[in-house]
C-alpha atoms as a PDB file:
ATOM      1  CA  MET A   1     181.509-105.425  80.548  1.00  0.00           C
ATOM      2  CA  GLU A   2     179.144-103.947  83.116  1.00  0.00           C
ATOM      3  CA  GLU A   3     180.338-106.480  85.676  1.00  0.00           C
ATOM      4  CA  GLN A   4     183.952-105.442  84.894  1.00  0.00           C
ATOM      5  CA  ILE A   5     183.216-101.768  85.297  1.00  0.00           C
ATOM      6  CA  ALA A   6     181.361-102.427  88.658  1.00  0.00           C
ATOM      7  CA  ALA A   7     184.308-104.511  89.733  1.00  0.00           C
ATOM      8  CA  LEU A   8     186.692-101.590  88.846  1.00  0.00           C
ATOM      9  CA  ILE A   9     184.606 -99.165  90.784  1.00  0.00           C
ATOM     10  CA  LYS A  10     184.358-101.408  93.736  1.00  0.00           C
ATOM     11  CA  ILE A  11     188.066-101.984  94.028  1.00  0.00           C
ATOM     12  CA  ALA A  12     188.794 -98.307  93.473  1.00  0.00           C
ATOM     13  CA  GLN A  13     186.465 -97.442  96.354  1.00  0.00           C
ATOM     14  CA  ARG A  14     188.128 -99.890  98.572  1.00  0.00           C
ATOM     15  CA  LEU A  15     191.694 -98.677  97.985  1.00  0.00           C
ATOM     16  CA  PRO A  16     191.605 -95.564 100.256  1.00  0.00           C
ATOM     17  CA  ASP A  17     190.274 -97.670 103.154  1.00  0.00           C
ATOM     18  CA  GLN A  18     192.724-100.460 102.896  1.00  0.00           C
ATOM     19  CA  ASP A  19     196.503-100.783 103.686  1.00  0.00           C
ATOM     20  CA  VAL A  20     197.946-101.843 100.279  1.00  0.00           C
ATOM     21  CA  LEU A  21     201.081-103.093 102.120  1.00  0.00           C
ATOM     22  CA  ASP A  22     199.081-105.568 104.200  1.00  0.00           C
ATOM     23  CA  TYR A  23     199.285-109.252 102.895  1.00  0.00           C
ATOM     24  CA  ASP A  24     195.491-109.526 102.311  1.00  0.00           C
ATOM     25  CA  HIS A  25     195.247-106.263 100.294  1.00  0.00           C
ATOM     26  CA  ILE A  26     198.582-105.898  98.662  1.00  0.00           C
ATOM     27  CA  GLU A  27     197.156-107.334  95.323  1.00  0.00           C
ATOM     28  CA  LEU A  28     194.278-104.889  95.131  1.00  0.00           C
ATOM     29  CA  PRO A  29     195.977-102.429  92.765  1.00  0.00           C
ATOM     30  CA  PHE A  30     197.225-105.372  90.512  1.00  0.00           C
ATOM     31  CA  LYS A  31     193.593-106.669  90.386  1.00  0.00           C
ATOM     32  CA  LEU A  32     192.510-103.207  89.258  1.00  0.00           C
ATOM     33  CA  VAL A  33     195.003-103.475  86.373  1.00  0.00           C
ATOM     34  CA  GLN A  34     193.891-107.076  85.578  1.00  0.00           C
ATOM     35  CA  ILE A  35     190.202-106.118  85.448  1.00  0.00           C
ATOM     36  CA  ALA A  36     191.141-103.051  83.278  1.00  0.00           C
ATOM     37  CA  LEU A  37     193.008-105.403  80.877  1.00  0.00           C
ATOM     38  CA  GLU A  38     189.923-107.687  80.646  1.00  0.00           C
ATOM     39  CA  LEU A  39     187.877-104.595  79.855  1.00  0.00           C
ATOM     40  CA  TRP A  40     190.260-103.697  77.051  1.00  0.00           C
ATOM     41  CA  GLY A  41     189.780-107.199  75.670  1.00  0.00           C
ATOM     42  CA  ASN A  42     186.062-106.759  75.658  1.00  0.00           C
ATOM     43  CA  LEU A  43     186.146-103.253  74.277  1.00  0.00           C
ATOM     44  CA  TYR A  44     188.633-104.025  71.536  1.00  0.00           C
ATOM     45  CA  PRO A  45     188.394-107.481  70.218  1.00  0.00           C
ATOM     46  CA  PRO A  46     190.298-108.230  66.951  1.00  0.00           C
ATOM     47  CA  GLU A  47     187.126-107.934  64.666  1.00  0.00           C
ATOM     48  CA  VAL A  48     186.392-104.491  66.104  1.00  0.00           C
ATOM     49  CA  LEU A  49     190.012-103.346  65.594  1.00  0.00           C
ATOM     50  CA  GLU A  50     189.889-104.697  61.988  1.00  0.00           C
ATOM     51  CA  ASN A  51     186.644-102.841  61.219  1.00  0.00           C
ATOM     52  CA  LEU A  52     187.993 -99.731  62.881  1.00  0.00           C
ATOM     53  CA  ALA A  53     191.108 -99.858  60.774  1.00  0.00           C
ATOM     54  CA  ASN A  54     189.045-100.093  57.497  1.00  0.00           C
ATOM     55  CA  SER A  55     186.360 -97.464  58.454  1.00  0.00           C
ATOM     56  CA  ASP A  56     188.327 -94.914  60.577  1.00  0.00           C
ATOM     57  CA  PRO A  57     192.057 -95.027  60.242  1.00  0.00           C
ATOM     58  CA  ASP A  58     192.504 -91.946  62.281  1.00  0.00           C
ATOM     59  CA  THR A  59     190.733 -93.454  65.340  1.00  0.00           C
ATOM     60  CA  MET A  60     192.697 -96.552  64.839  1.00  0.00           C
ATOM     61  CA  ASP A  61     195.966 -94.682  65.009  1.00  0.00           C
ATOM     62  CA  ALA A  62     194.893 -92.961  68.228  1.00  0.00           C
ATOM     63  CA  TRP A  63     194.146 -96.422  69.727  1.00  0.00           C
ATOM     64  CA  ALA A  64     197.577 -97.574  68.736  1.00  0.00           C
ATOM     65  CA  ILE A  65     199.241 -94.467  70.224  1.00  0.00           C
ATOM     66  CA  ALA A  66     197.288 -94.913  73.486  1.00  0.00           C
ATOM     67  CA  LEU A  67     198.342 -98.555  73.666  1.00  0.00           C
ATOM     68  CA  SER A  68     202.056 -97.736  72.995  1.00  0.00           C
ATOM     69  CA  GLN A  69     201.955 -94.985  75.700  1.00  0.00           C
ATOM     70  CA  THR A  70     200.409 -97.477  78.254  1.00  0.00           C
ATOM     71  CA  LEU A  71     203.045-100.118  77.533  1.00  0.00           C
ATOM     72  CA  SER A  72     205.801 -97.574  77.791  1.00  0.00           C
ATOM     73  CA  GLN A  73     204.474 -96.590  81.174  1.00  0.00           C
ATOM     74  CA  GLN A  74     204.418-100.213  82.236  1.00  0.00           C
ATOM     75  CA  LEU A  75     208.020-100.741  81.027  1.00  0.00           C
ATOM     76  CA  SER A  76     209.136 -97.584  82.856  1.00  0.00           C
ATOM     77  CA  LEU A  77     207.671 -98.959  86.098  1.00  0.00           C
ATOM     78  CA  LEU A  78     209.199-102.296  85.524  1.00  0.00           C
ATOM     79  CA  ASP A  79     212.620-100.773  84.832  1.00  0.00           C
ATOM     80  CA  THR A  80     212.465 -99.129  88.362  1.00  0.00           C
ATOM     81  CA  TRP A  81     211.580-102.484  90.000  1.00  0.00           C
ATOM     82  CA  LYS A  82     213.904-104.938  87.993  1.00  0.00           C
ATOM     83  CA  PRO A  83     217.188-103.945  89.700  1.00  0.00           C
ATOM     84  CA  HIS A  84     215.733-104.769  92.972  1.00  0.00           C
ATOM     85  CA  PHE A  85     214.384-108.314  92.013  1.00  0.00           C
ATOM     86  CA  SER A  86     217.634-109.955  93.212  1.00  0.00           C
ATOM     87  CA  THR A  87     217.685-108.021  96.488  1.00  0.00           C
ATOM     88  CA  LEU A  88     214.006-108.478  97.543  1.00  0.00           C
ATOM     89  CA  ASN A  89     214.229-112.195  98.539  1.00  0.00           C
ATOM     90  CA  ILE A  90     211.911-113.155  95.645  1.00  0.00           C
ATOM     91  CA  PRO A  91     211.889-116.920  94.745  1.00  0.00           C
ATOM     92  CA  PRO A  92     214.328-117.539  91.823  1.00  0.00           C
ATOM     93  CA  LYS A  93     211.658-119.019  89.608  1.00  0.00           C
ATOM     94  CA  LEU A  94     209.261-116.140  90.315  1.00  0.00           C
ATOM     95  CA  THR A  95     212.151-113.694  89.525  1.00  0.00           C
ATOM     96  CA  GLU A  96     212.978-115.429  86.300  1.00  0.00           C
ATOM     97  CA  LYS A  97     209.226-115.428  85.333  1.00  0.00           C
ATOM     98  CA  LEU A  98     208.999-111.685  86.073  1.00  0.00           C
ATOM     99  CA  GLU A  99     212.147-111.034  83.903  1.00  0.00           C
ATOM    100  CA  ASN A 100     210.756-113.197  81.060  1.00  0.00           C
ATOM    101  CA  ASN A 101     207.408-111.356  81.182  1.00  0.00           C
ATOM    102  CA  SER A 102     209.170-108.007  81.416  1.00  0.00           C
ATOM    103  CA  HIS A 103     211.297-108.996  78.319  1.00  0.00           C
ATOM    104  CA  LYS A 104     208.256-109.935  76.377  1.00  0.00           C
ATOM    105  CA  LEU A 105     206.548-106.744  77.337  1.00  0.00           C
ATOM    106  CA  ALA A 106     209.607-104.888  76.201  1.00  0.00           C
ATOM    107  CA  GLU A 107     209.522-106.719  72.833  1.00  0.00           C
ATOM    108  CA  ILE A 108     205.862-106.106  72.377  1.00  0.00           C
ATOM    109  CA  SER A 109     206.363-102.371  73.193  1.00  0.00           C
ATOM    110  CA  GLY A 110     209.274-102.142  70.779  1.00  0.00           C
ATOM    111  CA  GLU A 111     207.213-103.942  68.028  1.00  0.00           C
ATOM    112  CA  THR A 112     204.312-101.576  68.755  1.00  0.00           C
ATOM    113  CA  SER A 113     206.626 -98.542  68.508  1.00  0.00           C
ATOM    114  CA  GLU A 114     208.042 -99.879  65.206  1.00  0.00           C
ATOM    115  CA  LEU A 115     204.496-100.555  63.920  1.00  0.00           C
ATOM    116  CA  LEU A 116     203.547 -96.973  64.880  1.00  0.00           C
ATOM    117  CA  ALA A 117     206.592 -95.589  63.293  1.00  0.00           C
ATOM    118  CA  ALA A 118     205.922 -97.647  60.089  1.00  0.00           C
ATOM    119  CA  ALA A 119     202.241 -96.656  60.234  1.00  0.00           C
ATOM    120  CA  ASN A 120     203.082 -92.990  60.356  1.00  0.00           C
ATOM    121  CA  GLN A 121     205.529 -93.452  57.472  1.00  0.00           C
ATOM    122  CA  LEU A 122     202.867 -95.249  55.495  1.00  0.00           C
ATOM    123  CA  PHE A 123     200.334 -92.575  56.534  1.00  0.00           C
ATOM    124  CA  SER A 124     202.731 -89.900  55.241  1.00  0.00           C
ATOM    125  CA  GLN A 125     203.364 -91.923  52.022  1.00  0.00           C
ATOM    126  CA  GLU A 126     199.538 -92.386  51.560  1.00  0.00           C
ATOM    127  CA  ASN A 127     199.082 -88.636  51.996  1.00  0.00           C
ATOM    128  CA  LYS A 128     201.676 -87.934  49.283  1.00  0.00           C
ATOM    129  CA  LEU A 129     200.214 -90.461  47.018  1.00  0.00           C
ATOM    130  CA  LYS A 130     196.795 -88.962  47.492  1.00  0.00           C
ATOM    131  CA  GLU A 131     198.071 -85.464  46.732  1.00  0.00           C
ATOM    132  CA  ALA A 132     199.799 -86.799  43.726  1.00  0.00           C
ATOM    133  CA  ALA A 133     196.779 -88.593  42.568  1.00  0.00           C
ATOM    134  CA  ALA A 134     194.703 -85.425  43.153  1.00  0.00           C
ATOM    135  CA  GLU A 135     197.216 -83.459  41.067  1.00  0.00           C
ATOM    136  CA  LEU A 136     197.276 -86.090  38.314  1.00  0.00           C
ATOM    137  CA  ALA A 137     193.418 -85.975  38.173  1.00  0.00           C
ATOM    138  CA  ARG A 138     193.547 -82.271  38.101  1.00  0.00           C
ATOM    139  CA  LEU A 139     196.027 -82.342  35.133  1.00  0.00           C
ATOM    140  CA  ASN A 140     194.108 -84.866  33.332  1.00  0.00           C
ATOM    141  CA  SER A 141     191.012 -82.814  33.650  1.00  0.00           C
ATOM    142  CA  LEU A 142     192.867 -79.736  32.402  1.00  0.00           C
ATOM    143  CA  ALA A 143     194.270 -81.742  29.474  1.00  0.00           C
ATOM    144  CA  THR A 144     190.828 -82.875  28.577  1.00  0.00           C
ATOM    145  CA  GLN A 145     189.556 -79.308  28.702  1.00  0.00           C
ATOM    146  CA  LEU A 146     192.476 -78.143  26.510  1.00  0.00           C
ATOM    147  CA  LYS A 147     191.763 -80.947  23.993  1.00  0.00           C
ATOM    148  CA  HIS A 148     188.198 -79.998  23.835  1.00  0.00           C
ATOM    149  CA  ILE A 149     189.123 -76.245  23.414  1.00  0.00           C
ATOM    150  CA  GLU A 150     191.541 -77.253  20.658  1.00  0.00           C
ATOM    151  CA  THR A 151     188.918 -79.286  18.947  1.00  0.00           C
ATOM    152  CA  GLU A 152     186.456 -76.402  19.027  1.00  0.00           C
ATOM    153  CA  LEU A 153     189.077 -73.972  17.751  1.00  0.00           C
ATOM    154  CA  GLN A 154     189.844 -76.353  14.872  1.00  0.00           C
ATOM    155  CA  ASN A 155     186.192 -76.584  14.015  1.00  0.00           C
ATOM    156  CA  THR A 156     185.428 -72.860  14.280  1.00  0.00           C
ATOM    157  CA  ASP A 157     185.693 -70.209  11.603  1.00  0.00           C
ATOM    158  CA  LEU A 158     187.718 -67.453  13.390  1.00  0.00           C
ATOM    159  CA  ASP A 159     186.946 -64.804  10.961  1.00  0.00           C
ATOM    160  CA  GLN A 160     183.179 -65.482  11.107  1.00  0.00           C
ATOM    161  CA  LEU A 161     183.495 -65.594  14.969  1.00  0.00           C
ATOM    162  CA  ARG A 162     185.214 -62.262  15.046  1.00  0.00           C
ATOM    163  CA  GLN A 163     182.511 -60.712  12.740  1.00  0.00           C
ATOM    164  CA  ASP A 164     179.769 -62.277  15.018  1.00  0.00           C
ATOM    165  CA  ILE A 165     181.551 -60.760  17.996  1.00  0.00           C
ATOM    166  CA  GLU A 166     181.865 -57.346  16.385  1.00  0.00           C
ATOM    167  CA  LYS A 167     178.177 -57.413  15.455  1.00  0.00           C
ATOM    168  CA  ARG A 168     177.158 -58.439  18.942  1.00  0.00           C
ATOM    169  CA  SER A 169     179.374 -55.731  20.463  1.00  0.00           C
ATOM    170  CA  GLN A 170     177.722 -53.061  18.226  1.00  0.00           C
ATOM    171  CA  THR A 171     174.275 -54.400  19.305  1.00  0.00           C
ATOM    172  CA  LEU A 172     175.135 -54.598  22.967  1.00  0.00           C
ATOM    173  CA  GLN A 173     176.941 -51.145  23.085  1.00  0.00           C
ATOM    174  CA  PRO A 174     173.731 -49.247  23.571  1.00  0.00           C
ATOM    175  CA  GLN A 175     172.476 -51.745  26.168  1.00  0.00           C
ATOM    176  CA  TYR A 176     175.755 -51.423  27.828  1.00  0.00           C
ATOM    177  CA  GLN A 177     175.609 -47.654  27.966  1.00  0.00           C
ATOM    178  CA  GLU A 178     172.004 -47.917  29.349  1.00  0.00           C
ATOM    179  CA  LEU A 179     173.323 -50.393  31.899  1.00  0.00           C
ATOM    180  CA  GLU A 180     176.014 -47.956  32.942  1.00  0.00           C
ATOM    181  CA  THR A 181     173.370 -45.111  33.291  1.00  0.00           C
ATOM    182  CA  LEU A 182     171.250 -47.439  35.340  1.00  0.00           C
ATOM    183  CA  GLN A 183     174.158 -48.397  37.401  1.00  0.00           C
ATOM    184  CA  GLN A 184     174.981 -44.645  38.044  1.00  0.00           C
ATOM    185  CA  GLN A 185     171.383 -44.027  38.964  1.00  0.00           C
ATOM    186  CA  GLN A 186     171.589 -46.987  41.300  1.00  0.00           C
ATOM    187  CA  ASP A 187     174.701 -45.625  42.893  1.00  0.00           C
ATOM    188  CA  GLN A 188     173.073 -42.231  43.376  1.00  0.00           C
ATOM    189  CA  LEU A 189     169.975 -43.848  44.962  1.00  0.00           C
ATOM    190  CA  ALA A 190     172.215 -45.919  47.147  1.00  0.00           C
ATOM    191  CA  ALA A 191     174.063 -42.652  48.252  1.00  0.00           C
ATOM    192  CA  GLN A 192     170.768 -40.853  48.871  1.00  0.00           C
ATOM    193  CA  GLN A 193     169.505 -43.810  50.858  1.00  0.00           C
ATOM    194  CA  THR A 194     172.704 -43.768  52.877  1.00  0.00           C
ATOM    195  CA  ARG A 195     172.208 -40.022  53.516  1.00  0.00           C
ATOM    196  CA  LEU A 196     168.600 -40.610  54.421  1.00  0.00           C
ATOM    197  CA  ALA A 197     169.409 -43.524  56.834  1.00  0.00           C
ATOM    198  CA  ALA A 198     172.112 -41.241  58.475  1.00  0.00           C
ATOM    199  CA  GLU A 199     169.523 -38.341  58.770  1.00  0.00           C
ATOM    200  CA  ILE A 200     166.844 -40.817  60.158  1.00  0.00           C
ATOM    201  CA  GLN A 201     169.444 -41.994  62.747  1.00  0.00           C
ATOM    202  CA  ARG A 202     170.319 -38.467  63.661  1.00  0.00           C
ATOM    203  CA  LEU A 203     166.582 -37.626  64.082  1.00  0.00           C
ATOM    204  CA  ARG A 204     166.160 -40.760  66.215  1.00  0.00           C
ATOM    205  CA  GLY A 205     169.107 -39.653  68.284  1.00  0.00           C
ATOM    206  CA  CYS A 206     167.520 -36.236  68.800  1.00  0.00           C
ATOM    207  CA  GLN A 207     164.199 -37.842  69.595  1.00  0.00           C
ATOM    208  CA  ASN A 208     165.790 -40.252  72.042  1.00  0.00           C
ATOM    209  CA  GLN A 209     167.581 -37.258  73.615  1.00  0.00           C
ATOM    210  CA  ARG A 210     164.324 -35.341  73.941  1.00  0.00           C
ATOM    211  CA  GLU A 211     162.681 -38.451  75.495  1.00  0.00           C
ATOM    212  CA  ILE A 212     165.628 -38.700  77.978  1.00  0.00           C
ATOM    213  CA  GLU A 213     165.281 -35.026  78.828  1.00  0.00           C
ATOM    214  CA  THR A 214     161.452 -35.310  79.164  1.00  0.00           C
ATOM    215  CA  ALA A 215     161.887 -38.331  81.434  1.00  0.00           C
ATOM    216  CA  GLU A 216     164.420 -36.527  83.556  1.00  0.00           C
ATOM    217  CA  ILE A 217     162.201 -33.501  83.877  1.00  0.00           C
ATOM    218  CA  ALA A 218     159.241 -35.866  84.726  1.00  0.00           C
ATOM    219  CA  THR A 219     161.384 -37.517  87.272  1.00  0.00           C
ATOM    220  CA  GLU A 220     162.413 -34.203  88.727  1.00  0.00           C
ATOM    221  CA  LEU A 221     158.769 -33.048  88.898  1.00  0.00           C
ATOM    222  CA  ILE A 222     157.750 -36.237  90.529  1.00  0.00           C
ATOM    223  CA  THR A 223     160.627 -35.754  92.974  1.00  0.00           C
ATOM    224  CA  LEU A 224     159.637 -32.146  93.694  1.00  0.00           C
ATOM    225  CA  THR A 225     155.992 -33.226  94.032  1.00  0.00           C
ATOM    226  CA  GLN A 226     156.901 -35.843  96.592  1.00  0.00           C
ATOM    227  CA  THR A 227     159.013 -33.384  98.352  1.00  0.00           C
ATOM    228  CA  GLU A 228     156.201 -30.907  98.524  1.00  0.00           C
ATOM    229  CA  ARG A 229     153.904 -33.535  99.692  1.00  0.00           C
ATOM    230  CA  ASP A 230     156.300 -34.489 102.400  1.00  0.00           C
ATOM    231  CA  LYS A 231     156.491 -30.829 103.561  1.00  0.00           C
ATOM    232  CA  LEU A 232     152.703 -30.334 103.383  1.00  0.00           C
ATOM    233  CA  LYS A 233     151.909 -33.661 105.136  1.00  0.00           C
ATOM    234  CA  PRO A 234     152.493 -32.460 108.740  1.00  0.00           C
ATOM    235  CA  ILE A 235     150.816 -29.107 107.870  1.00  0.00           C
ATOM    236  CA  LEU A 236     147.806 -30.979 106.435  1.00  0.00           C
ATOM    237  CA  SER A 237     147.764 -33.376 109.348  1.00  0.00           C
ATOM    238  CA  ASP A 238     147.704 -30.492 111.842  1.00  0.00           C
ATOM    239  CA  THR A 239     144.950 -28.625 109.696  1.00  0.00           C
ATOM    240  CA  LEU A 240     142.934 -31.825 109.386  1.00  0.00           C
ATOM    241  CA  ALA A 241     143.103 -32.335 113.161  1.00  0.00           C
ATOM    242  CA  GLU A 242     142.018 -28.737 113.769  1.00  0.00           C
ATOM    243  CA  LEU A 243     139.181 -29.157 111.270  1.00  0.00           C
ATOM    244  CA  GLN A 244     138.086 -32.302 113.027  1.00  0.00           C
ATOM    245  CA  GLN A 245     138.167 -30.404 116.315  1.00  0.00           C
ATOM    246  CA  GLU A 246     136.185 -27.605 114.808  1.00  0.00           C
ATOM    247  CA  LYS A 247     133.693 -30.074 113.414  1.00  0.00           C
ATOM    248  CA  ALA A 248     133.300 -31.732 116.681  1.00  0.00           C
ATOM    249  CA  GLU A 249     132.784 -28.308 118.337  1.00  0.00           C
ATOM    250  CA  LEU A 250     130.283 -27.452 115.582  1.00  0.00           C
ATOM    251  CA  ASP A 251     128.447 -30.762 116.238  1.00  0.00           C
ATOM    252  CA  ARG A 252     128.339 -29.983 119.801  1.00  0.00           C
ATOM    253  CA  LEU A 253     127.051 -26.442 119.218  1.00  0.00           C
ATOM    254  CA  GLN A 254     124.513 -27.789 116.618  1.00  0.00           C
ATOM    255  CA  SER A 255     123.304 -30.159 119.277  1.00  0.00           C
ATOM    256  CA  GLU A 256     122.990 -27.501 121.923  1.00  0.00           C
ATOM    257  CA  LEU A 257     121.293 -25.215 119.411  1.00  0.00           C
ATOM    258  CA  LYS A 258     118.757 -27.935 118.511  1.00  0.00           C
ATOM    259  CA  LYS A 259     118.061 -28.345 122.244  1.00  0.00           C
ATOM    260  CA  ALA A 260     117.719 -24.648 122.650  1.00  0.00           C
ATOM    261  CA  ILE A 261     115.453 -24.419 119.730  1.00  0.00           C
ATOM    262  CA  ALA A 262     113.260 -27.216 121.096  1.00  0.00           C
ATOM    263  CA  ASP A 263     113.296 -25.420 124.530  1.00  0.00           C
ATOM    264  CA  CYS A 264     112.473 -22.139 122.828  1.00  0.00           C
ATOM    265  CA  SER A 265     109.656 -23.655 120.934  1.00  0.00           C
ATOM    266  CA  GLN A 266     108.261 -25.317 124.080  1.00  0.00           C
ATOM    267  CA  TYR A 267     108.605 -21.953 125.903  1.00  0.00           C
ATOM    268  CA  GLN A 268     106.978 -20.038 122.915  1.00  0.00           C
ATOM    269  CA  LYS A 269     104.116 -22.554 122.961  1.00  0.00           C
ATOM    270  CA  GLN A 270     103.577 -22.120 126.719  1.00  0.00           C
ATOM    271  CA  ALA A 271     103.837 -18.390 126.436  1.00  0.00           C
ATOM    272  CA  VAL A 272     101.350 -18.281 123.576  1.00  0.00           C
ATOM    273  CA  THR A 273      99.013 -20.519 125.746  1.00  0.00           C
ATOM    274  CA  ILE A 274      99.280 -18.276 128.677  1.00  0.00           C
ATOM    275  CA  ARG A 275      98.769 -15.146 126.510  1.00  0.00           C
ATOM    276  CA  ASP A 276      95.723 -16.643 125.028  1.00  0.00           C
ATOM    277  CA  ASP A 277      94.354 -17.573 128.289  1.00  0.00           C
ATOM    278  CA  LEU A 278      95.113 -14.123 129.858  1.00  0.00           C
ATOM    279  CA  SER A 279      93.605 -12.493 126.696  1.00  0.00           C
ATOM    280  CA  HIS A 280      90.517 -14.700 126.970  1.00  0.00           C
ATOM    281  CA  HIS A 281      90.183 -13.895 130.700  1.00  0.00           C
ATOM    282  CA  TYR A 282      90.704 -10.200 129.942  1.00  0.00           C
ATOM    283  CA  ASP A 283      88.120 -10.143 127.212  1.00  0.00           C
ATOM    284  CA  ARG A 284      85.704 -12.005 129.364  1.00  0.00           C
ATOM    285  CA  ASP A 285      86.314  -9.848 132.457  1.00  0.00           C
ATOM    286  CA  ARG A 286      85.831  -6.798 130.329  1.00  0.00           C
ATOM    287  CA  GLN A 287      82.563  -8.117 129.112  1.00  0.00           C
ATOM    288  CA  LEU A 288      81.494  -8.981 132.508  1.00  0.00           C
ATOM    289  CA  CYS A 289      82.260  -5.564 133.716  1.00  0.00           C
ATOM    290  CA  GLN A 290      79.716  -4.143 131.249  1.00  0.00           C
ATOM    291  CA  TYR A 291      76.937  -6.204 132.776  1.00  0.00           C
ATOM    292  CA  LEU A 292      77.960  -6.558 136.366  1.00  0.00           C
ATOM    293  CA  PRO A 293      78.508  -3.894 139.001  1.00  0.00           C
ATOM    294  CA  VAL A 294      82.314  -3.547 139.271  1.00  0.00           C
ATOM    295  CA  ASN A 295      84.537  -1.514 141.522  1.00  0.00           C
ATOM    296  CA  HIS A 296      86.376   0.119 138.549  1.00  0.00           C
ATOM    297  CA  ARG A 297      88.884   1.759 140.907  1.00  0.00           C
ATOM    298  CA  GLU A 298      90.168  -1.653 142.048  1.00  0.00           C
ATOM    299  CA  ILE A 299      89.619  -3.572 138.767  1.00  0.00           C
ATOM    300  CA  ASP A 300      91.069  -1.126 136.287  1.00  0.00           C
ATOM    301  CA  PRO A 301      94.627  -1.092 137.764  1.00  0.00           C
ATOM    302  CA  ILE A 302      94.639  -4.797 137.817  1.00  0.00           C
ATOM    303  CA  LEU A 303      93.514  -4.935 134.071  1.00  0.00           C
ATOM    304  CA  ALA A 304      96.131  -2.464 133.242  1.00  0.00           C
ATOM    305  CA  GLN A 305      98.704  -4.377 134.843  1.00  0.00           C
ATOM    306  CA  ILE A 306      97.640  -7.458 133.120  1.00  0.00           C
ATOM    307  CA  LYS A 307      97.539  -5.705 129.806  1.00  0.00           C
ATOM    308  CA  THR A 308     101.050  -4.387 130.504  1.00  0.00           C
ATOM    309  CA  GLN A 309     102.311  -7.795 131.310  1.00  0.00           C
ATOM    310  CA  LEU A 310     100.701  -9.157 128.147  1.00  0.00           C
ATOM    311  CA  GLU A 311     102.440  -6.540 126.114  1.00  0.00           C
ATOM    312  CA  ASP A 312     105.845  -7.202 127.823  1.00  0.00           C
ATOM    313  CA  LEU A 313     105.339 -10.853 127.169  1.00  0.00           C
ATOM    314  CA  ASP A 314     104.673 -10.148 123.403  1.00  0.00           C
ATOM    315  CA  ARG A 315     107.916  -8.035 123.246  1.00  0.00           C
ATOM    316  CA  GLN A 316     109.856 -10.709 124.974  1.00  0.00           C
ATOM    317  CA  LEU A 317     108.537 -13.342 122.520  1.00  0.00           C
ATOM    318  CA  ALA A 318     109.327 -11.151 119.582  1.00  0.00           C
ATOM    319  CA  THR A 319     112.826 -10.459 120.955  1.00  0.00           C
ATOM    320  CA  LEU A 320     113.487 -14.242 121.421  1.00  0.00           C
ATOM    321  CA  GLN A 321     112.208 -15.005 117.957  1.00  0.00           C
ATOM    322  CA  LYS A 322     114.477 -12.258 116.475  1.00  0.00           C
ATOM    323  CA  HIS A 323     117.533 -13.425 118.513  1.00  0.00           C
ATOM    324  CA  HIS A 324     116.915 -17.009 117.584  1.00  0.00           C
ATOM    325  CA  ALA A 325     116.616 -16.039 113.776  1.00  0.00           C
ATOM    326  CA  GLU A 326     119.842 -14.154 114.005  1.00  0.00           C
ATOM    327  CA  LYS A 327     121.782 -16.886 115.837  1.00  0.00           C
ATOM    328  CA  HIS A 328     120.600 -19.585 113.480  1.00  0.00           C
ATOM    329  CA  GLN A 329     121.560 -17.368 110.455  1.00  0.00           C
ATOM    330  CA  LYS A 330     125.087 -16.669 111.932  1.00  0.00           C
ATOM    331  CA  LEU A 331     125.607 -20.390 112.671  1.00  0.00           C
ATOM    332  CA  THR A 332     124.522 -21.354 109.242  1.00  0.00           C
ATOM    333  CA  LEU A 333     126.972 -18.932 107.647  1.00  0.00           C
ATOM    334  CA  ASN A 334     129.886 -20.047 109.919  1.00  0.00           C
ATOM    335  CA  PHE A 335     129.058 -23.671 109.027  1.00  0.00           C
ATOM    336  CA  SER A 336     128.891 -23.140 105.272  1.00  0.00           C
ATOM    337  CA  SER A 337     132.054 -21.180 105.282  1.00  0.00           C
END
């Protein structure tokens, strides 16, 4: 069967590329039908059809209908060709053979149609018989039940049965009333449950609405925040640039201040050294003046001038220290602010 399917596919693939009116390829479509017929024979051998008819009549009917339609299509095609057999210069024996085969095919198709019609009629009769059998079975079952009921009625004391029913009715009446009360309570609880469910649904709707409003407010705040950030961004950038410039200027001033402090310290050390040296010489000269003959008229002005210079130097040092302290304090305050 796989070889036949492969052959079908191969011929079907060749057809679009070949001229089917050519002598070497005119038989390709007929070979396609021949292989398909061989495939039918392999797919539906007699034993398979017999089993199918016994196990699945509906499928068997579908097979017969498909076969009848195929035969009808073949006959319709042959009917369009048959009038031209005598005018197509076909050999007489071949024409006779074609007509015989066509006649046989018509007979087979007619028999198949008759069989299908008979099968449909039998199928309809079978359905009617099945329905009648089902109705008969139902009536037999109903008759059996009625006979059983009749037997029970004949063997039953109806007066005693009525008394038993009355007694049971009186016994069950309180329970029935209690059951009705419970049923009413159940209905009330169901109504309350329905109201509570509706209230819960309403509250959930309110909560969802509040959540939606909260989300909208949050979104609006986020949008406003982003907008404000976008507005402040250039201002902050300019301010940051100015701060960086001021920091650079402060760093430069601090560096200059450190250098000035170092120079001032060095100058202060030198001034103190000079002052100490001058003071030492001044004290020494004054001591020497006590023991040596000195021309006070010449020495005293010089000593007074030296003393004055030392006092001026002390005042300058004090002024520089004060100025340095004020400048350092002012710079510290500006930096910390």
